Amino acid sequence: MKILSSHFHKRNRQKGSVVLVFITLLAIMVILATANSKALFYLHRNIKLVEQRQIERLNASQTNTVSIVESPVKPEAK
């Protein structure tokens, strides 16, 4: 009977190790998913900022165009 009981203890320890490895892998996956989510959030925010700056730059270039218009009346010389 001693052989049989040591066999069960060994199997229980193996099952415990498998559960520990599984939980560790699951924790690593959750950490990676959280990091990816955070990175995507910051990338989205940066893209919005770049888009906003581009829109401001394009609007500024349209309003800063200078039209040179000569007066049809020539000033009189004194």
PDB file of N, CA and C in Angstrom:
ATOM      1  N   MET A   1       0.800  -1.203   0.000  1.00  0.00           N
ATOM      2  CA  MET A   1       0.000   0.000   0.000  1.00  0.00           C
ATOM      3  C   MET A   1       0.841   1.265   0.000  1.00  0.00           C
ATOM      4  N   LYS A   2       2.070   1.211   0.522  1.00  0.00           N
ATOM      5  CA  LYS A   2       2.901   2.397   0.564  1.00  0.00           C
ATOM      6  C   LYS A   2       3.223   2.890  -0.841  1.00  0.00           C
ATOM      7  N   ILE A   3       3.453   2.011  -1.765  1.00  0.00           N
ATOM      8  CA  ILE A   3       3.755   2.393  -3.136  1.00  0.00           C
ATOM      9  C   ILE A   3       2.572   3.141  -3.731  1.00  0.00           C
ATOM     10  N   LEU A   4       1.407   2.674  -3.446  1.00  0.00           N
ATOM     11  CA  LEU A   4       0.206   3.280  -3.971  1.00  0.00           C
ATOM     12  C   LEU A   4       0.000   4.682  -3.414  1.00  0.00           C
ATOM     13  N   SER A   5       0.214   4.896  -2.124  1.00  0.00           N
ATOM     14  CA  SER A   5      -0.001   6.222  -1.540  1.00  0.00           C
ATOM     15  C   SER A   5       1.060   7.216  -2.018  1.00  0.00           C
ATOM     16  N   SER A   6       2.302   6.808  -2.199  1.00  0.00           N
ATOM     17  CA  SER A   6       3.329   7.736  -2.699  1.00  0.00           C
ATOM     18  C   SER A   6       3.046   8.083  -4.155  1.00  0.00           C
ATOM     19  N   HIS A   7       2.465   7.178  -4.897  1.00  0.00           N
ATOM     20  CA  HIS A   7       2.100   7.434  -6.286  1.00  0.00           C
ATOM     21  C   HIS A   7       1.041   8.542  -6.354  1.00  0.00           C
ATOM     22  N   PHE A   8       0.060   8.517  -5.463  1.00  0.00           N
ATOM     23  CA  PHE A   8      -0.989   9.543  -5.438  1.00  0.00           C
ATOM     24  C   PHE A   8      -0.424  10.897  -5.026  1.00  0.00           C
ATOM     25  N   HIS A   9       0.493  10.946  -4.068  1.00  0.00           N
ATOM     26  CA  HIS A   9       1.091  12.205  -3.642  1.00  0.00           C
ATOM     27  C   HIS A   9       1.895  12.842  -4.780  1.00  0.00           C
ATOM     28  N   LYS A  10       2.600  12.010  -5.518  1.00  0.00           N
ATOM     29  CA  LYS A  10       3.389  12.512  -6.628  1.00  0.00           C
ATOM     30  C   LYS A  10       2.472  13.097  -7.700  1.00  0.00           C
ATOM     31  N   ARG A  11       1.376  12.422  -7.976  1.00  0.00           N
ATOM     32  CA  ARG A  11       0.443  12.896  -8.990  1.00  0.00           C
ATOM     33  C   ARG A  11      -0.217  14.199  -8.536  1.00  0.00           C
ATOM     34  N   ASN A  12      -0.551  14.340  -7.260  1.00  0.00           N
ATOM     35  CA  ASN A  12      -1.153  15.572  -6.749  1.00  0.00           C
ATOM     36  C   ASN A  12      -0.180  16.736  -6.876  1.00  0.00           C
ATOM     37  N   ARG A  13       1.103  16.497  -6.597  1.00  0.00           N
ATOM     38  CA  ARG A  13       2.103  17.560  -6.742  1.00  0.00           C
ATOM     39  C   ARG A  13       2.238  17.978  -8.203  1.00  0.00           C
ATOM     40  N   GLN A  14       2.161  17.015  -9.120  1.00  0.00           N
ATOM     41  CA  GLN A  14       2.246  17.340 -10.540  1.00  0.00           C
ATOM     42  C   GLN A  14       1.048  18.184 -10.966  1.00  0.00           C
ATOM     43  N   LYS A  15      -0.134  17.827 -10.484  1.00  0.00           N
ATOM     44  CA  LYS A  15      -1.317  18.608 -10.817  1.00  0.00           C
ATOM     45  C   LYS A  15      -1.205  20.026 -10.265  1.00  0.00           C
ATOM     46  N   GLY A  16      -0.670  20.147  -9.053  1.00  0.00           N
ATOM     47  CA  GLY A  16      -0.464  21.466  -8.462  1.00  0.00           C
ATOM     48  C   GLY A  16       0.526  22.298  -9.257  1.00  0.00           C
ATOM     49  N   SER A  17       1.567  21.657  -9.771  1.00  0.00           N
ATOM     50  CA  SER A  17       2.556  22.360 -10.586  1.00  0.00           C
ATOM     51  C   SER A  17       1.950  22.831 -11.896  1.00  0.00           C
ATOM     52  N   VAL A  18       1.113  22.001 -12.494  1.00  0.00           N
ATOM     53  CA  VAL A  18       0.460  22.378 -13.748  1.00  0.00           C
ATOM     54  C   VAL A  18      -0.451  23.574 -13.518  1.00  0.00           C
ATOM     55  N   VAL A  19      -1.175  23.571 -12.421  1.00  0.00           N
ATOM     56  CA  VAL A  19      -2.064  24.690 -12.112  1.00  0.00           C
ATOM     57  C   VAL A  19      -1.249  25.957 -11.895  1.00  0.00           C
ATOM     58  N   LEU A  20      -0.129  25.852 -11.204  1.00  0.00           N
ATOM     59  CA  LEU A  20       0.735  27.006 -10.955  1.00  0.00           C
ATOM     60  C   LEU A  20       1.300  27.565 -12.267  1.00  0.00           C
ATOM     61  N   VAL A  21       1.750  26.697 -13.144  1.00  0.00           N
ATOM     62  CA  VAL A  21       2.269  27.138 -14.446  1.00  0.00           C
ATOM     63  C   VAL A  21       1.154  27.797 -15.257  1.00  0.00           C
ATOM     64  N   PHE A  22      -0.033  27.222 -15.238  1.00  0.00           N
ATOM     65  CA  PHE A  22      -1.168  27.787 -15.976  1.00  0.00           C
ATOM     66  C   PHE A  22      -1.526  29.176 -15.458  1.00  0.00           C
ATOM     67  N   ILE A  23      -1.576  29.335 -14.155  1.00  0.00           N
ATOM     68  CA  ILE A  23      -1.910  30.640 -13.567  1.00  0.00           C
ATOM     69  C   ILE A  23      -0.827  31.660 -13.902  1.00  0.00           C
ATOM     70  N   THR A  24       0.438  31.241 -13.887  1.00  0.00           N
ATOM     71  CA  THR A  24       1.532  32.138 -14.236  1.00  0.00           C
ATOM     72  C   THR A  24       1.419  32.592 -15.687  1.00  0.00           C
ATOM     73  N   LEU A  25       1.157  31.663 -16.597  1.00  0.00           N
ATOM     74  CA  LEU A  25       0.997  32.021 -18.009  1.00  0.00           C
ATOM     75  C   LEU A  25      -0.203  32.940 -18.216  1.00  0.00           C
ATOM     76  N   LEU A  26      -1.267  32.661 -17.506  1.00  0.00           N
ATOM     77  CA  LEU A  26      -2.457  33.505 -17.605  1.00  0.00           C
ATOM     78  C   LEU A  26      -2.158  34.920 -17.119  1.00  0.00           C
ATOM     79  N   ALA A  27      -1.413  35.046 -16.031  1.00  0.00           N
ATOM     80  CA  ALA A  27      -1.038  36.360 -15.506  1.00  0.00           C
ATOM     81  C   ALA A  27      -0.163  37.115 -16.507  1.00  0.00           C
ATOM     82  N   ILE A  28       0.772  36.414 -17.136  1.00  0.00           N
ATOM     83  CA  ILE A  28       1.632  37.049 -18.138  1.00  0.00           C
ATOM     84  C   ILE A  28       0.795  37.542 -19.313  1.00  0.00           C
ATOM     85  N   MET A  29      -0.164  36.748 -19.750  1.00  0.00           N
ATOM     86  CA  MET A  29      -1.032  37.149 -20.858  1.00  0.00           C
ATOM     87  C   MET A  29      -1.857  38.377 -20.497  1.00  0.00           C
ATOM     88  N   VAL A  30      -2.350  38.442 -19.284  1.00  0.00           N
ATOM     89  CA  VAL A  30      -3.136  39.601 -18.851  1.00  0.00           C
ATOM     90  C   VAL A  30      -2.260  40.853 -18.819  1.00  0.00           C
ATOM     91  N   ILE A  31      -1.024  40.709 -18.336  1.00  0.00           N
ATOM     92  CA  ILE A  31      -0.102  41.846 -18.299  1.00  0.00           C
ATOM     93  C   ILE A  31       0.192  42.341 -19.715  1.00  0.00           C
ATOM     94  N   LEU A  32       0.427  41.420 -20.633  1.00  0.00           N
ATOM     95  CA  LEU A  32       0.698  41.809 -22.019  1.00  0.00           C
ATOM     96  C   LEU A  32      -0.514  42.474 -22.665  1.00  0.00           C
ATOM     97  N   ALA A  33      -1.693  41.956 -22.414  1.00  0.00           N
ATOM     98  CA  ALA A  33      -2.910  42.559 -22.972  1.00  0.00           C
ATOM     99  C   ALA A  33      -3.111  43.966 -22.421  1.00  0.00           C
ATOM    100  N   THR A  34      -2.853  44.157 -21.147  1.00  0.00           N
ATOM    101  CA  THR A  34      -2.988  45.488 -20.547  1.00  0.00           C
ATOM    102  C   THR A  34      -1.969  46.452 -21.138  1.00  0.00           C
ATOM    103  N   ALA A  35      -0.737  45.994 -21.308  1.00  0.00           N
ATOM    104  CA  ALA A  35       0.307  46.847 -21.889  1.00  0.00           C
ATOM    105  C   ALA A  35      -0.049  47.222 -23.324  1.00  0.00           C
ATOM    106  N   ASN A  36      -0.554  46.275 -24.096  1.00  0.00           N
ATOM    107  CA  ASN A  36      -0.951  46.569 -25.477  1.00  0.00           C
ATOM    108  C   ASN A  36      -2.101  47.558 -25.513  1.00  0.00           C
ATOM    109  N   SER A  37      -3.047  47.403 -24.629  1.00  0.00           N
ATOM    110  CA  SER A  37      -4.181  48.319 -24.573  1.00  0.00           C
ATOM    111  C   SER A  37      -3.717  49.731 -24.244  1.00  0.00           C
ATOM    112  N   LYS A  38      -2.805  49.842 -23.305  1.00  0.00           N
ATOM    113  CA  LYS A  38      -2.274  51.144 -22.917  1.00  0.00           C
ATOM    114  C   LYS A  38      -1.507  51.773 -24.079  1.00  0.00           C
ATOM    115  N   ALA A  39      -0.710  50.976 -24.770  1.00  0.00           N
ATOM    116  CA  ALA A  39       0.049  51.489 -25.915  1.00  0.00           C
ATOM    117  C   ALA A  39      -0.887  51.957 -27.021  1.00  0.00           C
ATOM    118  N   LEU A  40      -1.941  51.209 -27.283  1.00  0.00           N
ATOM    119  CA  LEU A  40      -2.906  51.620 -28.299  1.00  0.00           C
ATOM    120  C   LEU A  40      -3.603  52.914 -27.916  1.00  0.00           C
ATOM    121  N   PHE A  41      -3.901  53.086 -26.640  1.00  0.00           N
ATOM    122  CA  PHE A  41      -4.531  54.324 -26.170  1.00  0.00           C
ATOM    123  C   PHE A  41      -3.619  55.515 -26.440  1.00  0.00           C
ATOM    124  N   TYR A  42      -2.319  55.380 -26.089  1.00  0.00           N
ATOM    125  CA  TYR A  42      -1.390  56.481 -26.309  1.00  0.00           C
ATOM    126  C   TYR A  42      -1.166  56.749 -27.794  1.00  0.00           C
ATOM    127  N   LEU A  43      -1.121  55.703 -28.611  1.00  0.00           N
ATOM    128  CA  LEU A  43      -0.978  55.900 -30.052  1.00  0.00           C
ATOM    129  C   LEU A  43      -2.181  56.623 -30.630  1.00  0.00           C
ATOM    130  N   HIS A  44      -3.374  56.243 -30.194  1.00  0.00           N
ATOM    131  CA  HIS A  44      -4.589  56.907 -30.678  1.00  0.00           C
ATOM    132  C   HIS A  44      -4.578  58.383 -30.292  1.00  0.00           C
ATOM    133  N   ARG A  45      -4.144  58.672 -29.067  1.00  0.00           N
ATOM    134  CA  ARG A  45      -4.082  60.058 -28.604  1.00  0.00           C
ATOM    135  C   ARG A  45      -3.064  60.853 -29.416  1.00  0.00           C
ATOM    136  N   ASN A  46      -1.916  60.247 -29.714  1.00  0.00           N
ATOM    137  CA  ASN A  46      -0.897  60.938 -30.514  1.00  0.00           C
ATOM    138  C   ASN A  46      -1.365  61.175 -31.940  1.00  0.00           C
ATOM    139  N   ILE A  47      -2.083  60.227 -32.504  1.00  0.00           N
ATOM    140  CA  ILE A  47      -2.607  60.403 -33.860  1.00  0.00           C
ATOM    141  C   ILE A  47      -3.604  61.559 -33.888  1.00  0.00           C
ATOM    142  N   LYS A  48      -4.456  61.655 -32.878  1.00  0.00           N
ATOM    143  CA  LYS A  48      -5.403  62.772 -32.819  1.00  0.00           C
ATOM    144  C   LYS A  48      -4.672  64.105 -32.702  1.00  0.00           C
ATOM    145  N   LEU A  49      -3.592  64.134 -31.914  1.00  0.00           N
ATOM    146  CA  LEU A  49      -2.814  65.354 -31.753  1.00  0.00           C
ATOM    147  C   LEU A  49      -2.147  65.755 -33.061  1.00  0.00           C
ATOM    148  N   VAL A  50      -1.558  64.795 -33.765  1.00  0.00           N
ATOM    149  CA  VAL A  50      -0.916  65.084 -35.051  1.00  0.00           C
ATOM    150  C   VAL A  50      -1.958  65.567 -36.057  1.00  0.00           C
ATOM    151  N   GLU A  51      -3.115  64.932 -36.077  1.00  0.00           N
ATOM    152  CA  GLU A  51      -4.173  65.348 -36.992  1.00  0.00           C
ATOM    153  C   GLU A  51      -4.624  66.775 -36.693  1.00  0.00           C
ATOM    154  N   GLN A  52      -4.766  67.085 -35.412  1.00  0.00           N
ATOM    155  CA  GLN A  52      -5.176  68.430 -35.023  1.00  0.00           C
ATOM    156  C   GLN A  52      -4.136  69.466 -35.442  1.00  0.00           C
ATOM    157  N   ARG A  53      -2.858  69.146 -35.267  1.00  0.00           N
ATOM    158  CA  ARG A  53      -1.793  70.072 -35.679  1.00  0.00           C
ATOM    159  C   ARG A  53      -1.773  70.248 -37.194  1.00  0.00           C
ATOM    160  N   GLN A  54      -1.997  69.181 -37.929  1.00  0.00           N
ATOM    161  CA  GLN A  54      -2.022  69.276 -39.393  1.00  0.00           C
ATOM    162  C   GLN A  54      -3.182  70.159 -39.856  1.00  0.00           C
ATOM    163  N   ILE A  55      -4.338  69.976 -39.229  1.00  0.00           N
ATOM    164  CA  ILE A  55      -5.500  70.794 -39.593  1.00  0.00           C
ATOM    165  C   ILE A  55      -5.217  72.260 -39.307  1.00  0.00           C
ATOM    166  N   GLU A  56      -4.628  72.547 -38.139  1.00  0.00           N
ATOM    167  CA  GLU A  56      -4.289  73.935 -37.804  1.00  0.00           C
ATOM    168  C   GLU A  56      -3.267  74.499 -38.783  1.00  0.00           C
ATOM    169  N   ARG A  57      -2.272  73.684 -39.166  1.00  0.00           N
ATOM    170  CA  ARG A  57      -1.248  74.144 -40.094  1.00  0.00           C
ATOM    171  C   ARG A  57      -1.847  74.431 -41.468  1.00  0.00           C
ATOM    172  N   LEU A  58      -2.728  73.558 -41.927  1.00  0.00           N
ATOM    173  CA  LEU A  58      -3.338  73.769 -43.243  1.00  0.00           C
ATOM    174  C   LEU A  58      -4.272  74.969 -43.236  1.00  0.00           C
ATOM    175  N   ASN A  59      -5.017  75.152 -42.157  1.00  0.00           N
ATOM    176  CA  ASN A  59      -5.895  76.320 -42.061  1.00  0.00           C
ATOM    177  C   ASN A  59      -5.077  77.601 -41.982  1.00  0.00           C
ATOM    178  N   ALA A  60      -3.973  77.583 -41.288  1.00  0.00           N
ATOM    179  CA  ALA A  60      -3.123  78.768 -41.170  1.00  0.00           C
ATOM    180  C   ALA A  60      -2.503  79.114 -42.514  1.00  0.00           C
ATOM    181  N   SER A  61      -2.120  78.126 -43.295  1.00  0.00           N
ATOM    182  CA  SER A  61      -1.505  78.413 -44.589  1.00  0.00           C
ATOM    183  C   SER A  61      -2.525  79.007 -45.555  1.00  0.00           C
ATOM    184  N   GLN A  62      -3.791  78.678 -45.401  1.00  0.00           N
ATOM    185  CA  GLN A  62      -4.815  79.248 -46.265  1.00  0.00           C
ATOM    186  C   GLN A  62      -5.134  80.683 -45.873  1.00  0.00           C
ATOM    187  N   THR A  63      -5.110  80.991 -44.598  1.00  0.00           N
ATOM    188  CA  THR A  63      -5.453  82.344 -44.164  1.00  0.00           C
ATOM    189  C   THR A  63      -4.271  83.285 -44.227  1.00  0.00           C
ATOM    190  N   ASN A  64      -3.058  82.787 -44.301  1.00  0.00           N
ATOM    191  CA  ASN A  64      -1.881  83.639 -44.344  1.00  0.00           C
ATOM    192  C   ASN A  64      -1.438  83.980 -45.758  1.00  0.00           C
ATOM    193  N   THR A  65      -2.173  83.573 -46.755  1.00  0.00           N
ATOM    194  CA  THR A  65      -1.792  83.918 -48.118  1.00  0.00           C
ATOM    195  C   THR A  65      -2.030  85.405 -48.319  1.00  0.00           C
ATOM    196  N   VAL A  66      -1.042  86.045 -48.905  1.00  0.00           N
ATOM    197  CA  VAL A  66      -1.111  87.493 -49.097  1.00  0.00           C
ATOM    198  C   VAL A  66      -1.412  87.758 -50.559  1.00  0.00           C
ATOM    199  N   SER A  67      -2.453  88.515 -50.772  1.00  0.00           N
ATOM    200  CA  SER A  67      -2.802  88.909 -52.127  1.00  0.00           C
ATOM    201  C   SER A  67      -2.248  90.304 -52.363  1.00  0.00           C
ATOM    202  N   ILE A  68      -1.461  90.436 -53.399  1.00  0.00           N
ATOM    203  CA  ILE A  68      -0.898  91.739 -53.719  1.00  0.00           C
ATOM    204  C   ILE A  68      -1.817  92.387 -54.743  1.00  0.00           C
ATOM    205  N   VAL A  69      -2.403  93.462 -54.301  1.00  0.00           N
ATOM    206  CA  VAL A  69      -3.315  94.187 -55.165  1.00  0.00           C
ATOM    207  C   VAL A  69      -2.768  95.600 -55.295  1.00  0.00           C
ATOM    208  N   GLU A  70      -2.543  95.988 -56.531  1.00  0.00           N
ATOM    209  CA  GLU A  70      -2.049  97.336 -56.765  1.00  0.00           C
ATOM    210  C   GLU A  70      -3.235  98.275 -56.893  1.00  0.00           C
ATOM    211  N   SER A  71      -3.041  99.410 -56.330  1.00  0.00           N
ATOM    212  CA  SER A  71      -4.098 100.415 -56.404  1.00  0.00           C
ATOM    213  C   SER A  71      -4.184 100.958 -57.818  1.00  0.00           C
ATOM    214  N   PRO A  72      -5.386 101.087 -58.336  1.00  0.00           N
ATOM    215  CA  PRO A  72      -5.510 101.627 -59.700  1.00  0.00           C
ATOM    216  C   PRO A  72      -5.185 103.115 -59.759  1.00  0.00           C
ATOM    217  N   VAL A  73      -5.247 103.792 -58.635  1.00  0.00           N
ATOM    218  CA  VAL A  73      -4.949 105.228 -58.604  1.00  0.00           C
ATOM    219  C   VAL A  73      -3.517 105.394 -58.163  1.00  0.00           C
ATOM    220  N   LYS A  74      -2.721 106.079 -58.997  1.00  0.00           N
ATOM    221  CA  LYS A  74      -1.339 106.301 -58.637  1.00  0.00           C
ATOM    222  C   LYS A  74      -1.255 107.548 -57.745  1.00  0.00           C
ATOM    223  N   PRO A  75      -0.445 107.437 -56.680  1.00  0.00           N
ATOM    224  CA  PRO A  75      -0.329 108.620 -55.827  1.00  0.00           C
ATOM    225  C   PRO A  75       0.362 109.770 -56.575  1.00  0.00           C
ATOM    226  N   GLU A  76      -0.106 110.955 -56.285  1.00  0.00           N
ATOM    227  CA  GLU A  76       0.453 112.131 -56.948  1.00  0.00           C
ATOM    228  C   GLU A  76       1.788 112.482 -56.314  1.00  0.00           C
ATOM    229  N   ALA A  77       2.706 112.843 -57.162  1.00  0.00           N
ATOM    230  CA  ALA A  77       4.036 113.237 -56.671  1.00  0.00           C
ATOM    231  C   ALA A  77       4.011 114.694 -56.293  1.00  0.00           C
ATOM    232  N   LYS A  78       4.616 115.060 -55.224  1.00  0.00           N
ATOM    233  CA  LYS A  78       4.625 116.464 -54.774  1.00  0.00           C
ATOM    234  C   LYS A  78       5.827 117.189 -55.251  1.00  0.00           C
TER     235      LYS A  78
END
